[in-house]
């Protein structure tokens, strides 16, 4: 998650028009402590019952895979990266392209 924090401005439009939520099976108290320690701008949610994981197909058997979903403002999944390799720059490059596709087009310059 350090890479998410460190690349937040570039990857996630500095939080403008983008919400980033990390969902894991970890307890909410652990996630809250970890987010504070990390100083992360990313929101975290606990899915200990794996409801969201099963709904979005990131649970295989009893394992919760590292999956990343880019969801547009209408709620449609526009990109699914499974598994997401947080150590590979190519994963972040792929994520950046997907996030940019969901952002509103820049306004034309006024003349």
N, C-alpha and C. Protein backbone atom coordinates (compact mmCIF):
# COMPACT_ATOMS: atom_id res chain seq x y z
N UNK A 1 0.82 -1.20 0.00
CA UNK A 1 0.00 0.00 0.00
C UNK A 1 0.85 1.26 0.00
N UNK A 2 2.13 1.13 0.32
CA UNK A 2 2.99 2.31 0.27
C UNK A 2 3.03 2.90 -1.13
N UNK A 3 3.02 2.03 -2.14
CA UNK A 3 3.06 2.51 -3.51
C UNK A 3 1.79 3.29 -3.85
N UNK A 4 0.63 2.82 -3.36
CA UNK A 4 -0.61 3.58 -3.56
C UNK A 4 -0.47 4.96 -2.94
N UNK A 5 0.02 4.99 -1.71
CA UNK A 5 0.18 6.28 -1.02
C UNK A 5 1.16 7.17 -1.77
N UNK A 6 2.29 6.60 -2.16
CA UNK A 6 3.34 7.39 -2.80
C UNK A 6 2.96 7.87 -4.20
N UNK A 7 2.10 7.14 -4.90
CA UNK A 7 1.72 7.50 -6.26
C UNK A 7 0.29 8.05 -6.34
N UNK A 8 -0.31 8.33 -5.19
CA UNK A 8 -1.71 8.73 -5.13
C UNK A 8 -2.04 9.90 -6.05
N UNK A 9 -1.27 10.97 -5.98
CA UNK A 9 -1.55 12.16 -6.78
C UNK A 9 -1.55 11.84 -8.26
N UNK A 10 -0.57 11.08 -8.70
CA UNK A 10 -0.45 10.75 -10.13
C UNK A 10 -1.53 9.76 -10.57
N UNK A 11 -1.70 8.68 -9.83
CA UNK A 11 -2.61 7.62 -10.25
C UNK A 11 -4.08 7.98 -10.08
N UNK A 12 -4.38 8.70 -9.01
CA UNK A 12 -5.78 8.91 -8.66
C UNK A 12 -6.21 10.37 -8.74
N UNK A 13 -5.57 11.12 -9.66
CA UNK A 13 -5.99 12.49 -9.92
C UNK A 13 -6.02 13.31 -8.63
N UNK A 14 -5.11 12.99 -7.72
CA UNK A 14 -5.00 13.66 -6.42
C UNK A 14 -6.33 13.65 -5.66
N UNK A 15 -7.12 12.60 -5.91
CA UNK A 15 -8.38 12.44 -5.21
C UNK A 15 -9.55 13.20 -5.81
N UNK A 16 -9.33 13.94 -6.89
CA UNK A 16 -10.43 14.67 -7.53
C UNK A 16 -11.20 13.72 -8.46
N UNK A 17 -12.48 13.61 -8.23
CA UNK A 17 -13.36 12.75 -9.03
C UNK A 17 -13.02 11.27 -8.92
N UNK A 18 -12.24 10.90 -7.90
CA UNK A 18 -11.85 9.50 -7.71
C UNK A 18 -11.96 9.17 -6.23
N UNK A 19 -12.51 8.01 -5.93
CA UNK A 19 -12.52 7.49 -4.57
C UNK A 19 -11.78 6.17 -4.60
N UNK A 20 -10.82 6.01 -3.72
CA UNK A 20 -10.04 4.79 -3.66
C UNK A 20 -10.36 4.11 -2.33
N UNK A 21 -10.84 2.87 -2.41
CA UNK A 21 -11.18 2.11 -1.21
C UNK A 21 -10.45 0.77 -1.28
N UNK A 22 -9.65 0.52 -0.26
CA UNK A 22 -8.99 -0.77 -0.12
C UNK A 22 -9.86 -1.66 0.75
N UNK A 23 -10.26 -2.81 0.23
CA UNK A 23 -11.13 -3.72 0.98
C UNK A 23 -10.35 -5.01 1.23
N UNK A 24 -10.33 -5.42 2.49
CA UNK A 24 -9.66 -6.67 2.83
C UNK A 24 -10.45 -7.41 3.90
N UNK A 25 -10.00 -8.62 4.18
CA UNK A 25 -10.67 -9.43 5.21
C UNK A 25 -10.14 -9.10 6.61
N UNK A 26 -9.19 -8.20 6.70
CA UNK A 26 -8.62 -7.82 7.99
C UNK A 26 -9.66 -7.10 8.84
N UNK A 27 -9.56 -7.21 10.17
CA UNK A 27 -10.49 -6.51 11.07
C UNK A 27 -10.39 -4.99 10.90
N UNK A 28 -11.52 -4.30 11.08
CA UNK A 28 -11.55 -2.86 10.89
C UNK A 28 -10.59 -2.12 11.82
N UNK A 29 -10.40 -2.62 13.04
CA UNK A 29 -9.48 -1.96 13.97
C UNK A 29 -8.04 -2.03 13.46
N UNK A 30 -7.69 -3.16 12.87
CA UNK A 30 -6.34 -3.32 12.33
C UNK A 30 -6.15 -2.40 11.12
N UNK A 31 -7.16 -2.33 10.25
CA UNK A 31 -7.07 -1.46 9.07
C UNK A 31 -6.95 0.00 9.47
N UNK A 32 -7.72 0.41 10.47
CA UNK A 32 -7.67 1.81 10.93
C UNK A 32 -6.29 2.15 11.47
N UNK A 33 -5.72 1.26 12.28
CA UNK A 33 -4.39 1.50 12.84
C UNK A 33 -3.35 1.55 11.72
N UNK A 34 -3.47 0.66 10.78
CA UNK A 34 -2.52 0.59 9.68
C UNK A 34 -2.62 1.85 8.81
N UNK A 35 -3.83 2.31 8.52
CA UNK A 35 -4.02 3.52 7.70
C UNK A 35 -3.42 4.74 8.40
N UNK A 36 -3.62 4.83 9.72
CA UNK A 36 -3.03 5.96 10.47
C UNK A 36 -1.51 5.90 10.42
N UNK A 37 -0.96 4.72 10.64
CA UNK A 37 0.50 4.55 10.63
C UNK A 37 1.09 4.86 9.26
N UNK A 38 0.39 4.45 8.22
CA UNK A 38 0.86 4.65 6.85
C UNK A 38 0.66 6.08 6.37
N UNK A 39 -0.33 6.78 6.97
CA UNK A 39 -0.65 8.13 6.51
C UNK A 39 -1.26 8.09 5.12
N UNK A 40 -2.12 7.13 4.89
CA UNK A 40 -2.67 6.89 3.56
C UNK A 40 -3.90 7.73 3.26
N UNK A 41 -4.00 8.28 2.04
CA UNK A 41 -5.21 8.98 1.63
C UNK A 41 -6.29 8.00 1.15
N UNK A 42 -5.93 6.71 1.05
CA UNK A 42 -6.86 5.68 0.61
C UNK A 42 -7.78 5.29 1.75
N UNK A 43 -9.07 5.11 1.46
CA UNK A 43 -10.02 4.63 2.46
C UNK A 43 -9.90 3.12 2.57
N UNK A 44 -10.15 2.58 3.75
CA UNK A 44 -10.08 1.13 3.94
C UNK A 44 -11.40 0.62 4.49
N UNK A 45 -11.78 -0.58 4.08
CA UNK A 45 -12.99 -1.22 4.57
C UNK A 45 -12.70 -2.69 4.85
N UNK A 46 -13.33 -3.20 5.89
CA UNK A 46 -13.17 -4.59 6.27
C UNK A 46 -14.30 -5.42 5.67
N UNK A 47 -13.93 -6.50 5.04
CA UNK A 47 -14.90 -7.43 4.46
C UNK A 47 -14.62 -8.83 5.02
N UNK A 48 -14.68 -8.93 6.35
CA UNK A 48 -14.30 -10.19 7.01
C UNK A 48 -15.19 -11.36 6.60
N UNK A 49 -16.42 -11.10 6.23
CA UNK A 49 -17.32 -12.17 5.77
C UNK A 49 -17.18 -12.42 4.26
N UNK A 50 -16.34 -11.65 3.60
CA UNK A 50 -16.05 -11.77 2.17
C UNK A 50 -17.28 -11.55 1.29
N UNK A 51 -18.21 -10.73 1.75
CA UNK A 51 -19.42 -10.44 0.97
C UNK A 51 -19.04 -9.70 -0.31
N UNK A 52 -18.31 -8.60 -0.18
CA UNK A 52 -17.90 -7.83 -1.37
C UNK A 52 -16.96 -8.66 -2.24
N UNK A 53 -16.06 -9.39 -1.62
CA UNK A 53 -15.12 -10.22 -2.38
C UNK A 53 -15.83 -11.25 -3.23
N UNK A 54 -16.83 -11.89 -2.68
CA UNK A 54 -17.60 -12.89 -3.45
C UNK A 54 -18.44 -12.21 -4.53
N UNK A 55 -19.02 -11.07 -4.21
CA UNK A 55 -19.85 -10.35 -5.16
C UNK A 55 -19.06 -9.93 -6.40
N UNK A 56 -17.81 -9.50 -6.19
CA UNK A 56 -17.00 -9.00 -7.29
C UNK A 56 -15.99 -10.02 -7.82
N UNK A 57 -16.07 -11.25 -7.33
CA UNK A 57 -15.23 -12.31 -7.89
C UNK A 57 -13.78 -12.28 -7.50
N UNK A 58 -13.46 -11.74 -6.33
CA UNK A 58 -12.06 -11.75 -5.92
C UNK A 58 -11.76 -12.86 -4.92
N UNK A 59 -12.75 -13.67 -4.59
CA UNK A 59 -12.55 -14.79 -3.67
C UNK A 59 -12.52 -16.07 -4.49
N UNK A 60 -11.46 -16.80 -4.33
CA UNK A 60 -11.30 -18.10 -4.99
C UNK A 60 -11.16 -19.14 -3.88
N UNK A 61 -12.19 -19.96 -3.71
CA UNK A 61 -12.16 -20.92 -2.62
C UNK A 61 -12.21 -20.17 -1.30
N UNK A 62 -11.24 -20.40 -0.45
CA UNK A 62 -11.18 -19.71 0.84
C UNK A 62 -10.20 -18.55 0.80
N UNK A 63 -9.57 -18.32 -0.35
CA UNK A 63 -8.57 -17.26 -0.45
C UNK A 63 -9.18 -15.99 -1.01
N UNK A 64 -8.78 -14.88 -0.44
CA UNK A 64 -9.18 -13.56 -0.96
C UNK A 64 -7.99 -13.04 -1.74
N UNK A 65 -8.07 -13.10 -3.07
CA UNK A 65 -6.96 -12.69 -3.93
C UNK A 65 -6.80 -11.18 -3.93
N UNK A 66 -5.59 -10.73 -4.21
CA UNK A 66 -5.35 -9.30 -4.37
C UNK A 66 -5.92 -8.89 -5.71
N UNK A 67 -7.06 -8.29 -5.66
CA UNK A 67 -7.76 -7.87 -6.87
C UNK A 67 -7.93 -6.37 -6.83
N UNK A 68 -7.94 -5.78 -8.00
CA UNK A 68 -8.14 -4.35 -8.08
C UNK A 68 -9.21 -4.08 -9.12
N UNK A 69 -10.19 -3.27 -8.75
CA UNK A 69 -11.29 -2.94 -9.64
C UNK A 69 -11.34 -1.42 -9.80
N UNK A 70 -11.48 -0.97 -11.02
CA UNK A 70 -11.70 0.45 -11.30
C UNK A 70 -13.17 0.56 -11.69
N UNK A 71 -13.90 1.36 -10.95
CA UNK A 71 -15.34 1.49 -11.14
C UNK A 71 -15.65 2.93 -11.55
N UNK A 72 -16.41 3.08 -12.61
CA UNK A 72 -16.71 4.43 -13.09
C UNK A 72 -17.82 5.07 -12.24
N UNK A 73 -18.10 6.35 -12.45
CA UNK A 73 -19.10 7.04 -11.63
C UNK A 73 -20.51 6.44 -11.69
N UNK A 74 -20.80 5.64 -12.72
CA UNK A 74 -22.11 5.01 -12.80
C UNK A 74 -22.17 3.70 -12.03
N UNK A 75 -21.02 3.25 -11.50
CA UNK A 75 -20.97 1.99 -10.77
C UNK A 75 -20.55 0.80 -11.61
N UNK A 76 -20.19 1.03 -12.86
CA UNK A 76 -19.78 -0.05 -13.76
C UNK A 76 -18.29 -0.34 -13.58
N UNK A 77 -17.94 -1.61 -13.50
CA UNK A 77 -16.53 -2.00 -13.44
C UNK A 77 -15.94 -1.81 -14.83
N UNK A 78 -14.93 -0.94 -14.93
CA UNK A 78 -14.31 -0.69 -16.23
C UNK A 78 -12.96 -1.41 -16.36
N UNK A 79 -12.42 -1.85 -15.23
CA UNK A 79 -11.15 -2.59 -15.28
C UNK A 79 -11.06 -3.49 -14.06
N UNK A 80 -10.63 -4.71 -14.29
CA UNK A 80 -10.41 -5.68 -13.21
C UNK A 80 -8.98 -6.19 -13.38
N UNK A 81 -8.18 -6.04 -12.36
CA UNK A 81 -6.80 -6.54 -12.40
C UNK A 81 -6.71 -7.61 -11.32
N UNK A 82 -6.58 -8.87 -11.75
CA UNK A 82 -6.52 -9.99 -10.82
C UNK A 82 -5.41 -10.93 -11.23
N UNK A 83 -4.47 -11.25 -10.43
CA UNK A 83 -4.18 -10.54 -9.18
C UNK A 83 -3.46 -9.24 -9.48
N UNK A 84 -3.57 -8.30 -8.57
CA UNK A 84 -2.85 -7.03 -8.69
C UNK A 84 -1.48 -7.22 -8.05
N UNK A 85 -0.42 -7.01 -8.82
CA UNK A 85 0.93 -7.17 -8.30
C UNK A 85 1.46 -5.80 -7.87
N UNK A 86 1.39 -5.54 -6.57
CA UNK A 86 1.77 -4.21 -6.07
C UNK A 86 3.26 -3.93 -6.18
N UNK A 87 4.06 -4.93 -6.55
CA UNK A 87 5.50 -4.72 -6.71
C UNK A 87 5.90 -4.45 -8.17
N UNK A 88 4.95 -4.56 -9.09
CA UNK A 88 5.27 -4.39 -10.51
C UNK A 88 4.79 -3.04 -11.02
N UNK A 89 5.69 -2.27 -11.59
CA UNK A 89 5.33 -0.96 -12.14
C UNK A 89 4.28 -1.10 -13.23
N UNK A 90 4.31 -2.19 -13.98
CA UNK A 90 3.33 -2.38 -15.05
C UNK A 90 1.90 -2.41 -14.50
N UNK A 91 1.71 -2.91 -13.28
CA UNK A 91 0.39 -2.91 -12.67
C UNK A 91 -0.09 -1.48 -12.43
N UNK A 92 0.81 -0.61 -11.97
CA UNK A 92 0.45 0.79 -11.73
C UNK A 92 0.21 1.54 -13.04
N UNK A 93 0.97 1.19 -14.07
CA UNK A 93 0.75 1.81 -15.38
C UNK A 93 -0.64 1.44 -15.91
N UNK A 94 -1.00 0.18 -15.77
CA UNK A 94 -2.32 -0.30 -16.20
C UNK A 94 -3.43 0.37 -15.40
N UNK A 95 -3.20 0.52 -14.10
CA UNK A 95 -4.17 1.19 -13.22
C UNK A 95 -4.35 2.65 -13.62
N UNK A 96 -3.25 3.34 -13.89
CA UNK A 96 -3.33 4.75 -14.27
C UNK A 96 -4.16 4.95 -15.53
N UNK A 97 -3.96 4.10 -16.52
CA UNK A 97 -4.72 4.20 -17.77
C UNK A 97 -6.20 4.00 -17.49
N UNK A 98 -6.54 3.00 -16.67
CA UNK A 98 -7.95 2.71 -16.37
C UNK A 98 -8.61 3.85 -15.62
N UNK A 99 -7.91 4.44 -14.65
CA UNK A 99 -8.48 5.55 -13.87
C UNK A 99 -8.72 6.74 -14.79
N UNK A 100 -7.78 7.04 -15.66
CA UNK A 100 -7.94 8.18 -16.57
C UNK A 100 -9.15 8.02 -17.47
N UNK A 101 -9.50 6.79 -17.82
CA UNK A 101 -10.66 6.54 -18.67
C UNK A 101 -11.97 6.89 -17.97
N UNK A 102 -11.98 6.89 -16.66
CA UNK A 102 -13.21 7.16 -15.91
C UNK A 102 -13.38 8.64 -15.57
N UNK A 103 -12.34 9.42 -15.74
CA UNK A 103 -12.40 10.83 -15.36
C UNK A 103 -13.14 11.65 -16.42
N UNK A 104 -13.80 12.71 -16.01
CA UNK A 104 -14.48 13.57 -16.99
C UNK A 104 -13.45 14.20 -17.93
N UNK A 105 -13.88 14.39 -19.16
CA UNK A 105 -13.00 15.02 -20.14
C UNK A 105 -12.72 16.44 -19.72
N UNK A 106 -11.49 16.91 -19.93
CA UNK A 106 -11.17 18.30 -19.57
C UNK A 106 -12.01 19.28 -20.39
N UNK A 107 -12.39 20.34 -19.76
CA UNK A 107 -13.19 21.38 -20.45
C UNK A 107 -12.33 22.06 -21.52
N UNK A 108 -12.97 22.39 -22.61
CA UNK A 108 -12.25 23.09 -23.69
C UNK A 108 -11.87 24.48 -23.20
N UNK A 109 -10.68 24.96 -23.58
CA UNK A 109 -10.26 26.29 -23.15
C UNK A 109 -11.20 27.38 -23.70
N UNK A 110 -11.47 28.36 -22.88
CA UNK A 110 -12.33 29.48 -23.30
C UNK A 110 -11.54 30.42 -24.18
N UNK A 111 -12.22 30.93 -25.18
CA UNK A 111 -11.54 31.84 -26.10
C UNK A 111 -12.04 33.23 -25.93
